[in-house]
C-alpha atoms as a PDB file:
ATOM      1  CA  UNK A   1      91.445 131.531 109.876  1.00  0.00           C
ATOM      2  CA  UNK A   2      88.076 133.021 109.367  1.00  0.00           C
ATOM      3  CA  UNK A   3      89.253 135.611 111.954  1.00  0.00           C
ATOM      4  CA  UNK A   4      91.900 136.707 110.482  1.00  0.00           C
ATOM      5  CA  UNK A   5      89.840 138.209 107.560  1.00  0.00           C
ATOM      6  CA  UNK A   6      89.977 141.920 107.892  1.00  0.00           C
ATOM      7  CA  UNK A   7      88.104 143.123 104.513  1.00  0.00           C
ATOM      8  CA  UNK A   8      85.418 145.188 105.955  1.00  0.00           C
ATOM      9  CA  UNK A   9      86.983 146.622 109.053  1.00  0.00           C
ATOM     10  CA  UNK A  10      87.344 149.977 110.555  1.00  0.00           C
ATOM     11  CA  UNK A  11      90.081 151.168 112.634  1.00  0.00           C
ATOM     12  CA  UNK A  12      89.365 154.402 113.924  1.00  0.00           C
ATOM     13  CA  UNK A  13      91.972 157.065 114.296  1.00  0.00           C
ATOM     14  CA  UNK A  14      93.136 160.651 114.146  1.00  0.00           C
ATOM     15  CA  UNK A  15      95.750 160.021 111.124  1.00  0.00           C
ATOM     16  CA  UNK A  16      95.909 162.362 108.237  1.00  0.00           C
ATOM     17  CA  UNK A  17      94.662 159.114 106.332  1.00  0.00           C
ATOM     18  CA  UNK A  18      91.722 158.881 108.448  1.00  0.00           C
ATOM     19  CA  UNK A  19      90.807 163.035 108.021  1.00  0.00           C
ATOM     20  CA  UNK A  20      90.944 162.911 104.494  1.00  0.00           C
ATOM     21  CA  UNK A  21      87.690 163.101 102.628  1.00  0.00           C
ATOM     22  CA  UNK A  22      86.407 159.804 101.522  1.00  0.00           C
ATOM     23  CA  UNK A  23      86.306 160.778  98.001  1.00  0.00           C
ATOM     24  CA  UNK A  24      90.152 161.366  98.008  1.00  0.00           C
ATOM     25  CA  UNK A  25      90.707 158.210  99.253  1.00  0.00           C
ATOM     26  CA  UNK A  26      88.422 156.261  96.648  1.00  0.00           C
ATOM     27  CA  UNK A  27      90.151 158.635  93.660  1.00  0.00           C
ATOM     28  CA  UNK A  28      93.594 157.570  95.196  1.00  0.00           C
ATOM     29  CA  UNK A  29      92.963 153.644  95.218  1.00  0.00           C
ATOM     30  CA  UNK A  30      91.565 154.028  91.750  1.00  0.00           C
ATOM     31  CA  UNK A  31      95.136 155.956  90.497  1.00  0.00           C
ATOM     32  CA  UNK A  32      97.175 153.470  92.713  1.00  0.00           C
ATOM     33  CA  UNK A  33      95.195 150.373  91.068  1.00  0.00           C
ATOM     34  CA  UNK A  34      96.140 151.973  87.398  1.00  0.00           C
ATOM     35  CA  UNK A  35      99.753 152.843  88.518  1.00  0.00           C
ATOM     36  CA  UNK A  36     100.356 149.191  89.806  1.00  0.00           C
ATOM     37  CA  UNK A  37      98.857 147.442  86.486  1.00  0.00           C
ATOM     38  CA  UNK A  38     101.189 149.950  84.431  1.00  0.00           C
ATOM     39  CA  UNK A  39     104.280 149.040  86.556  1.00  0.00           C
ATOM     40  CA  UNK A  40     106.769 146.908  84.290  1.00  0.00           C
ATOM     41  CA  UNK A  41     110.116 147.066  85.607  1.00  0.00           C
ATOM     42  CA  UNK A  42     111.807 146.993  89.528  1.00  0.00           C
ATOM     43  CA  UNK A  43     112.148 150.421  89.930  1.00  0.00           C
ATOM     44  CA  UNK A  44     108.490 151.335  89.377  1.00  0.00           C
ATOM     45  CA  UNK A  45     107.451 148.298  91.863  1.00  0.00           C
ATOM     46  CA  UNK A  46     110.137 149.411  94.203  1.00  0.00           C
ATOM     47  CA  UNK A  47     108.490 153.120  94.351  1.00  0.00           C
ATOM     48  CA  UNK A  48     105.028 151.522  94.801  1.00  0.00           C
ATOM     49  CA  UNK A  49     105.676 149.070  97.797  1.00  0.00           C
ATOM     50  CA  UNK A  50     107.519 152.136  99.281  1.00  0.00           C
ATOM     51  CA  UNK A  51     103.999 154.266  98.911  1.00  0.00           C
ATOM     52  CA  UNK A  52     102.346 151.760 100.732  1.00  0.00           C
ATOM     53  CA  UNK A  53     104.757 151.341 103.817  1.00  0.00           C
ATOM     54  CA  UNK A  54     104.318 155.190 103.882  1.00  0.00           C
ATOM     55  CA  UNK A  55     100.552 155.190 103.568  1.00  0.00           C
ATOM     56  CA  UNK A  56     100.557 152.629 106.346  1.00  0.00           C
ATOM     57  CA  UNK A  57     102.712 154.881 108.756  1.00  0.00           C
ATOM     58  CA  UNK A  58     100.758 157.520 108.134  1.00  0.00           C
ATOM     59  CA  UNK A  59      97.811 155.840 109.166  1.00  0.00           C
ATOM     60  CA  UNK A  60      99.062 153.936 111.964  1.00  0.00           C
ATOM     61  CA  UNK A  61      97.795 150.397 110.711  1.00  0.00           C
ATOM     62  CA  UNK A  62     100.240 147.851 111.992  1.00  0.00           C
ATOM     63  CA  UNK A  63     101.809 145.334 109.227  1.00  0.00           C
ATOM     64  CA  UNK A  64     100.346 142.575 111.313  1.00  0.00           C
ATOM     65  CA  UNK A  65      96.872 143.869 110.694  1.00  0.00           C
ATOM     66  CA  UNK A  66      97.639 143.588 106.590  1.00  0.00           C
ATOM     67  CA  UNK A  67      99.600 140.337 106.944  1.00  0.00           C
ATOM     68  CA  UNK A  68      96.311 138.834 108.755  1.00  0.00           C
ATOM     69  CA  UNK A  69      94.292 139.937 106.182  1.00  0.00           C
ATOM     70  CA  UNK A  70      96.749 138.197 103.531  1.00  0.00           C
ATOM     71  CA  UNK A  71      96.368 135.071 104.967  1.00  0.00           C
ATOM     72  CA  UNK A  72      93.491 133.390 103.532  1.00  0.00           C
ATOM     73  CA  UNK A  73      94.835 134.881 100.143  1.00  0.00           C
ATOM     74  CA  UNK A  74      98.453 132.724 100.393  1.00  0.00           C
ATOM     75  CA  UNK A  75      96.795 129.821  98.039  1.00  0.00           C
ATOM     76  CA  UNK A  76      96.140 132.015  95.236  1.00  0.00           C
ATOM     77  CA  UNK A  77      99.218 133.969  96.165  1.00  0.00           C
ATOM     78  CA  UNK A  78     101.221 131.390  95.764  1.00  0.00           C
ATOM     79  CA  UNK A  79      99.458 129.471  93.112  1.00  0.00           C
ATOM     80  CA  UNK A  80      99.727 132.664  91.133  1.00  0.00           C
ATOM     81  CA  UNK A  81     103.454 132.820  91.784  1.00  0.00           C
ATOM     82  CA  UNK A  82     103.502 129.057  90.616  1.00  0.00           C
ATOM     83  CA  UNK A  83     102.158 129.214  87.636  1.00  0.00           C
ATOM     84  CA  UNK A  84     103.825 132.275  86.408  1.00  0.00           C
ATOM     85  CA  UNK A  85     107.283 130.034  87.274  1.00  0.00           C
ATOM     86  CA  UNK A  86     106.563 127.162  84.954  1.00  0.00           C
ATOM     87  CA  UNK A  87     104.778 129.021  82.266  1.00  0.00           C
ATOM     88  CA  UNK A  88     107.254 132.120  81.601  1.00  0.00           C
ATOM     89  CA  UNK A  89     109.900 131.483  78.616  1.00  0.00           C
ATOM     90  CA  UNK A  90     113.552 132.659  78.766  1.00  0.00           C
ATOM     91  CA  UNK A  91     116.716 131.332  79.918  1.00  0.00           C
ATOM     92  CA  UNK A  92     116.479 128.400  81.834  1.00  0.00           C
ATOM     93  CA  UNK A  93     118.444 128.777  85.323  1.00  0.00           C
ATOM     94  CA  UNK A  94     120.041 125.560  84.801  1.00  0.00           C
ATOM     95  CA  UNK A  95     120.701 123.358  81.426  1.00  0.00           C
ATOM     96  CA  UNK A  96     117.391 121.471  80.741  1.00  0.00           C
ATOM     97  CA  UNK A  97     115.505 122.883  83.618  1.00  0.00           C
ATOM     98  CA  UNK A  98     111.684 124.523  82.514  1.00  0.00           C
ATOM     99  CA  UNK A  99     112.048 127.340  85.396  1.00  0.00           C
ATOM    100  CA  UNK A 100     113.577 130.422  83.819  1.00  0.00           C
ATOM    101  CA  UNK A 101     115.296 133.751  85.190  1.00  0.00           C
ATOM    102  CA  UNK A 102     112.443 135.722  83.363  1.00  0.00           C
ATOM    103  CA  UNK A 103     109.698 133.450  84.815  1.00  0.00           C
ATOM    104  CA  UNK A 104     111.348 134.029  88.789  1.00  0.00           C
ATOM    105  CA  UNK A 105     111.094 137.685  88.064  1.00  0.00           C
ATOM    106  CA  UNK A 106     107.994 137.220  86.422  1.00  0.00           C
ATOM    107  CA  UNK A 107     106.343 135.550  89.512  1.00  0.00           C
ATOM    108  CA  UNK A 108     107.879 138.254  92.172  1.00  0.00           C
ATOM    109  CA  UNK A 109     105.942 141.043  90.258  1.00  0.00           C
ATOM    110  CA  UNK A 110     102.654 139.158  89.854  1.00  0.00           C
ATOM    111  CA  UNK A 111     103.026 138.134  93.341  1.00  0.00           C
ATOM    112  CA  UNK A 112     103.930 141.886  94.526  1.00  0.00           C
ATOM    113  CA  UNK A 113     101.036 143.267  92.244  1.00  0.00           C
ATOM    114  CA  UNK A 114      98.480 141.180  94.155  1.00  0.00           C
ATOM    115  CA  UNK A 115     100.089 141.950  97.859  1.00  0.00           C
ATOM    116  CA  UNK A 116     100.275 145.547  96.821  1.00  0.00           C
ATOM    117  CA  UNK A 117      96.491 145.611  95.742  1.00  0.00           C
ATOM    118  CA  UNK A 118      94.880 144.051  98.513  1.00  0.00           C
ATOM    119  CA  UNK A 119      96.712 146.166 100.770  1.00  0.00           C
ATOM    120  CA  UNK A 120      95.893 149.227  99.159  1.00  0.00           C
ATOM    121  CA  UNK A 121      92.391 148.151  99.521  1.00  0.00           C
ATOM    122  CA  UNK A 122      92.825 147.243 102.994  1.00  0.00           C
ATOM    123  CA  UNK A 123      94.070 150.821 104.024  1.00  0.00           C
ATOM    124  CA  UNK A 124      91.149 152.042 102.429  1.00  0.00           C
ATOM    125  CA  UNK A 125      88.383 150.152 104.268  1.00  0.00           C
ATOM    126  CA  UNK A 126      90.521 150.226 107.659  1.00  0.00           C
ATOM    127  CA  UNK A 127      90.821 154.245 107.475  1.00  0.00           C
ATOM    128  CA  UNK A 128      87.256 154.619 106.150  1.00  0.00           C
ATOM    129  CA  UNK A 129      84.111 154.135 108.001  1.00  0.00           C
ATOM    130  CA  UNK A 130      81.347 152.303 106.019  1.00  0.00           C
ATOM    131  CA  UNK A 131      79.016 155.287 106.108  1.00  0.00           C
ATOM    132  CA  UNK A 132      81.842 158.018 104.842  1.00  0.00           C
ATOM    133  CA  UNK A 133      82.622 155.556 102.438  1.00  0.00           C
ATOM    134  CA  UNK A 134      78.978 155.157 100.892  1.00  0.00           C
ATOM    135  CA  UNK A 135      78.528 158.696 101.058  1.00  0.00           C
ATOM    136  CA  UNK A 136      81.781 159.811  99.165  1.00  0.00           C
ATOM    137  CA  UNK A 137      80.888 157.080  96.797  1.00  0.00           C
ATOM    138  CA  UNK A 138      77.704 158.468  95.735  1.00  0.00           C
ATOM    139  CA  UNK A 139      78.390 161.611  95.701  1.00  0.00           C
ATOM    140  CA  UNK A 140      81.314 160.362  92.945  1.00  0.00           C
ATOM    141  CA  UNK A 141      78.818 158.832  90.708  1.00  0.00           C
ATOM    142  CA  UNK A 142      76.043 161.584  91.476  1.00  0.00           C
ATOM    143  CA  UNK A 143      76.626 162.008  87.487  1.00  0.00           C
ATOM    144  CA  UNK A 144      75.317 158.737  86.252  1.00  0.00           C
ATOM    145  CA  UNK A 145      71.882 159.669  87.954  1.00  0.00           C
ATOM    146  CA  UNK A 146      71.438 161.983  85.091  1.00  0.00           C
ATOM    147  CA  UNK A 147      71.146 158.774  83.121  1.00  0.00           C
ATOM    148  CA  UNK A 148      68.465 157.136  85.794  1.00  0.00           C
ATOM    149  CA  UNK A 149      71.333 155.153  86.996  1.00  0.00           C
ATOM    150  CA  UNK A 150      70.039 153.862  90.749  1.00  0.00           C
ATOM    151  CA  UNK A 151      73.219 155.478  92.238  1.00  0.00           C
ATOM    152  CA  UNK A 152      72.068 155.768  96.116  1.00  0.00           C
ATOM    153  CA  UNK A 153      70.674 152.291  96.047  1.00  0.00           C
ATOM    154  CA  UNK A 154      74.044 150.523  94.791  1.00  0.00           C
ATOM    155  CA  UNK A 155      76.048 152.195  97.164  1.00  0.00           C
ATOM    156  CA  UNK A 156      73.698 151.141 100.215  1.00  0.00           C
ATOM    157  CA  UNK A 157      74.149 147.842  99.047  1.00  0.00           C
ATOM    158  CA  UNK A 158      77.802 148.097  98.827  1.00  0.00           C
ATOM    159  CA  UNK A 159      77.834 149.861 102.304  1.00  0.00           C
ATOM    160  CA  UNK A 160      75.547 146.830 103.661  1.00  0.00           C
ATOM    161  CA  UNK A 161      77.957 144.125 102.016  1.00  0.00           C
ATOM    162  CA  UNK A 162      81.149 145.742 103.774  1.00  0.00           C
ATOM    163  CA  UNK A 163      79.405 146.017 107.030  1.00  0.00           C
ATOM    164  CA  UNK A 164      78.052 142.783 107.281  1.00  0.00           C
ATOM    165  CA  UNK A 165      81.423 140.744 106.089  1.00  0.00           C
ATOM    166  CA  UNK A 166      83.034 140.816 109.877  1.00  0.00           C
ATOM    167  CA  UNK A 167      79.338 140.092 111.265  1.00  0.00           C
ATOM    168  CA  UNK A 168      78.715 136.572 108.643  1.00  0.00           C
ATOM    169  CA  UNK A 169      82.713 135.690 109.931  1.00  0.00           C
ATOM    170  CA  UNK A 170      82.022 135.893 113.176  1.00  0.00           C
ATOM    171  CA  UNK A 171      78.425 133.911 112.588  1.00  0.00           C
ATOM    172  CA  UNK A 172      80.668 131.233 110.433  1.00  0.00           C
ATOM    173  CA  UNK A 173      83.532 130.792 113.189  1.00  0.00           C
ATOM    174  CA  UNK A 174      80.588 130.073 115.764  1.00  0.00           C
ATOM    175  CA  UNK A 175      79.057 127.818 113.858  1.00  0.00           C
ATOM    176  CA  UNK A 176      82.068 125.800 113.186  1.00  0.00           C
ATOM    177  CA  UNK A 177      83.187 125.684 116.800  1.00  0.00           C
ATOM    178  CA  UNK A 178      79.485 124.257 117.281  1.00  0.00           C
ATOM    179  CA  UNK A 179      80.141 121.661 114.906  1.00  0.00           C
ATOM    180  CA  UNK A 180      83.281 120.973 116.394  1.00  0.00           C
ATOM    181  CA  UNK A 181      82.137 120.337 119.501  1.00  0.00           C
ATOM    182  CA  UNK A 182      79.392 117.671 118.325  1.00  0.00           C
ATOM    183  CA  UNK A 183      82.427 115.569 116.488  1.00  0.00           C
ATOM    184  CA  UNK A 184      82.787 117.183 112.965  1.00  0.00           C
ATOM    185  CA  UNK A 185      85.813 117.265 111.405  1.00  0.00           C
ATOM    186  CA  UNK A 186      86.526 120.222 108.871  1.00  0.00           C
ATOM    187  CA  UNK A 187      90.085 119.093 108.466  1.00  0.00           C
ATOM    188  CA  UNK A 188      90.557 115.710 107.528  1.00  0.00           C
ATOM    189  CA  UNK A 189      89.788 113.180 104.890  1.00  0.00           C
ATOM    190  CA  UNK A 190      89.389 113.969 101.216  1.00  0.00           C
ATOM    191  CA  UNK A 191      88.515 117.145  99.515  1.00  0.00           C
ATOM    192  CA  UNK A 192      84.540 115.636  98.861  1.00  0.00           C
ATOM    193  CA  UNK A 193      84.605 114.711 102.294  1.00  0.00           C
ATOM    194  CA  UNK A 194      85.561 118.101 103.860  1.00  0.00           C
ATOM    195  CA  UNK A 195      83.026 119.673 101.652  1.00  0.00           C
ATOM    196  CA  UNK A 196      80.052 117.628 102.665  1.00  0.00           C
ATOM    197  CA  UNK A 197      81.414 118.573 106.350  1.00  0.00           C
ATOM    198  CA  UNK A 198      80.757 121.827 105.413  1.00  0.00           C
ATOM    199  CA  UNK A 199      76.854 121.433 104.705  1.00  0.00           C
ATOM    200  CA  UNK A 200      75.941 121.456 108.333  1.00  0.00           C
ATOM    201  CA  UNK A 201      77.857 124.784 108.307  1.00  0.00           C
ATOM    202  CA  UNK A 202      76.468 126.602 105.293  1.00  0.00           C
ATOM    203  CA  UNK A 203      72.608 125.712 106.184  1.00  0.00           C
ATOM    204  CA  UNK A 204      72.270 127.782 109.564  1.00  0.00           C
ATOM    205  CA  UNK A 205      74.814 130.221 107.654  1.00  0.00           C
ATOM    206  CA  UNK A 206      72.192 131.028 105.005  1.00  0.00           C
ATOM    207  CA  UNK A 207      69.302 130.627 107.470  1.00  0.00           C
ATOM    208  CA  UNK A 208      71.061 133.535 109.625  1.00  0.00           C
ATOM    209  CA  UNK A 209      71.947 135.746 106.448  1.00  0.00           C
ATOM    210  CA  UNK A 210      68.546 135.665 105.429  1.00  0.00           C
ATOM    211  CA  UNK A 211      66.977 136.022 108.881  1.00  0.00           C
ATOM    212  CA  UNK A 212      69.333 139.431 109.428  1.00  0.00           C
ATOM    213  CA  UNK A 213      68.475 140.603 105.676  1.00  0.00           C
ATOM    214  CA  UNK A 214      64.336 140.764 106.775  1.00  0.00           C
ATOM    215  CA  UNK A 215      65.325 142.326 109.870  1.00  0.00           C
ATOM    216  CA  UNK A 216      67.296 144.936 108.979  1.00  0.00           C
ATOM    217  CA  UNK A 217      64.524 145.267 105.715  1.00  0.00           C
ATOM    218  CA  UNK A 218      61.807 145.844 108.452  1.00  0.00           C
ATOM    219  CA  UNK A 219      64.014 148.016 110.516  1.00  0.00           C
ATOM    220  CA  UNK A 220      64.603 150.395 107.203  1.00  0.00           C
ATOM    221  CA  UNK A 221      60.904 150.066 106.350  1.00  0.00           C
ATOM    222  CA  UNK A 222      59.870 150.938 109.757  1.00  0.00           C
ATOM    223  CA  UNK A 223      61.956 154.161 109.744  1.00  0.00           C
ATOM    224  CA  UNK A 224      60.072 155.439 106.765  1.00  0.00           C
ATOM    225  CA  UNK A 225      63.520 154.799 104.055  1.00  0.00           C
ATOM    226  CA  UNK A 226      62.621 155.293 101.215  1.00  0.00           C
ATOM    227  CA  UNK A 227      65.957 155.366  98.998  1.00  0.00           C
ATOM    228  CA  UNK A 228      68.110 158.515  98.309  1.00  0.00           C
ATOM    229  CA  UNK A 229      65.412 161.095  97.403  1.00  0.00           C
ATOM    230  CA  UNK A 230      65.183 164.050 100.061  1.00  0.00           C
ATOM    231  CA  UNK A 231      67.751 162.380 102.219  1.00  0.00           C
ATOM    232  CA  UNK A 232      70.500 164.812 103.786  1.00  0.00           C
ATOM    233  CA  UNK A 233      73.484 163.937 105.813  1.00  0.00           C
ATOM    234  CA  UNK A 234      74.609 164.630 109.495  1.00  0.00           C
ATOM    235  CA  UNK A 235      78.247 165.422 107.770  1.00  0.00           C
ATOM    236  CA  UNK A 236      78.870 167.462 104.699  1.00  0.00           C
ATOM    237  CA  UNK A 237      82.001 166.351 102.951  1.00  0.00           C
ATOM    238  CA  UNK A 238      84.133 169.461 102.016  1.00  0.00           C
ATOM    239  CA  UNK A 239      87.372 169.374 100.045  1.00  0.00           C
ATOM    240  CA  UNK A 240      90.470 170.749 101.902  1.00  0.00           C
ATOM    241  CA  UNK A 241      93.939 171.373 101.117  1.00  0.00           C
ATOM    242  CA  UNK A 242      95.343 168.015 102.347  1.00  0.00           C
ATOM    243  CA  UNK A 243      92.684 166.637  99.648  1.00  0.00           C
ATOM    244  CA  UNK A 244      94.053 168.529  96.637  1.00  0.00           C
ATOM    245  CA  UNK A 245      97.575 168.080  97.541  1.00  0.00           C
ATOM    246  CA  UNK A 246      96.764 163.938  97.988  1.00  0.00           C
ATOM    247  CA  UNK A 247      95.436 163.973  94.653  1.00  0.00           C
ATOM    248  CA  UNK A 248      98.336 166.058  93.174  1.00  0.00           C
ATOM    249  CA  UNK A 249     100.596 163.219  94.670  1.00  0.00           C
ATOM    250  CA  UNK A 250      98.645 160.622  93.798  1.00  0.00           C
ATOM    251  CA  UNK A 251      98.459 161.575  89.885  1.00  0.00           C
ATOM    252  CA  UNK A 252     102.578 162.197  90.177  1.00  0.00           C
ATOM    253  CA  UNK A 253     102.785 159.280  91.359  1.00  0.00           C
ATOM    254  CA  UNK A 254     100.859 157.662  88.224  1.00  0.00           C
ATOM    255  CA  UNK A 255     102.635 159.694  85.800  1.00  0.00           C
ATOM    256  CA  UNK A 256     105.894 159.000  87.679  1.00  0.00           C
ATOM    257  CA  UNK A 257     104.828 154.763  86.762  1.00  0.00           C
ATOM    258  CA  UNK A 258     104.083 155.739  83.290  1.00  0.00           C
ATOM    259  CA  UNK A 259     107.205 157.358  82.706  1.00  0.00           C
ATOM    260  CA  UNK A 260     109.437 154.600  84.026  1.00  0.00           C
ATOM    261  CA  UNK A 261     107.004 151.917  81.952  1.00  0.00           C
ATOM    262  CA  UNK A 262     108.461 153.931  78.915  1.00  0.00           C
ATOM    263  CA  UNK A 263     112.168 153.171  79.740  1.00  0.00           C
ATOM    264  CA  UNK A 264     111.535 149.791  80.816  1.00  0.00           C
ATOM    265  CA  UNK A 265     112.172 150.495  84.958  1.00  0.00           C
END
């Protein structure tokens, strides 16, 4: 299960999605999320699903990678669907049943919303390197520097967090494999027993995480890192024609979803 977590991974490529400016992709994800939460009818959800499918095709990201990333979220997705089925009033599917047609429709829409939200986020990290993502986010938040907001420090922390997610997952898997070889059992017993069985995993994992953090801090200090003041970039980000076209399409998508919401579609 741990190996299925793909958040923070970057798949190098030369597709149009990879070549887009990271600022463009960040803004497109924001527009997509707003459009997703504005969607109300089946036409709107169908349109957003088609948009995600087109983006996956353009970025050459295999659906298998997306499904692998969704595996750890299956419980939350299923729980969301079940809660909406049983707690949405309406017309019962059979006399005396608490399950309603409206509940089923609502459950499907909520599941679609979560899946599309996660998929859209995955497409951002899959097609954008952590360095480019950090630079793009910092440039977008530059106006906040006038309010003395630590933009550079915040983006660096986000970049480090994304960078070390796969590393910590790999470390956790190694520790669990070592504990299983010593006879540890993480899959049987009561919930409390399984929670106690994780203690031999969490302790060395925390020790390893703090050790890596200390080593990273020493490495940054030895390279005279003092934050964003006076810092330069090897690659300067410049908006190109494809970025303006992509942003225009994102705005049109949001406007179309709002229009469909007005008509209940």
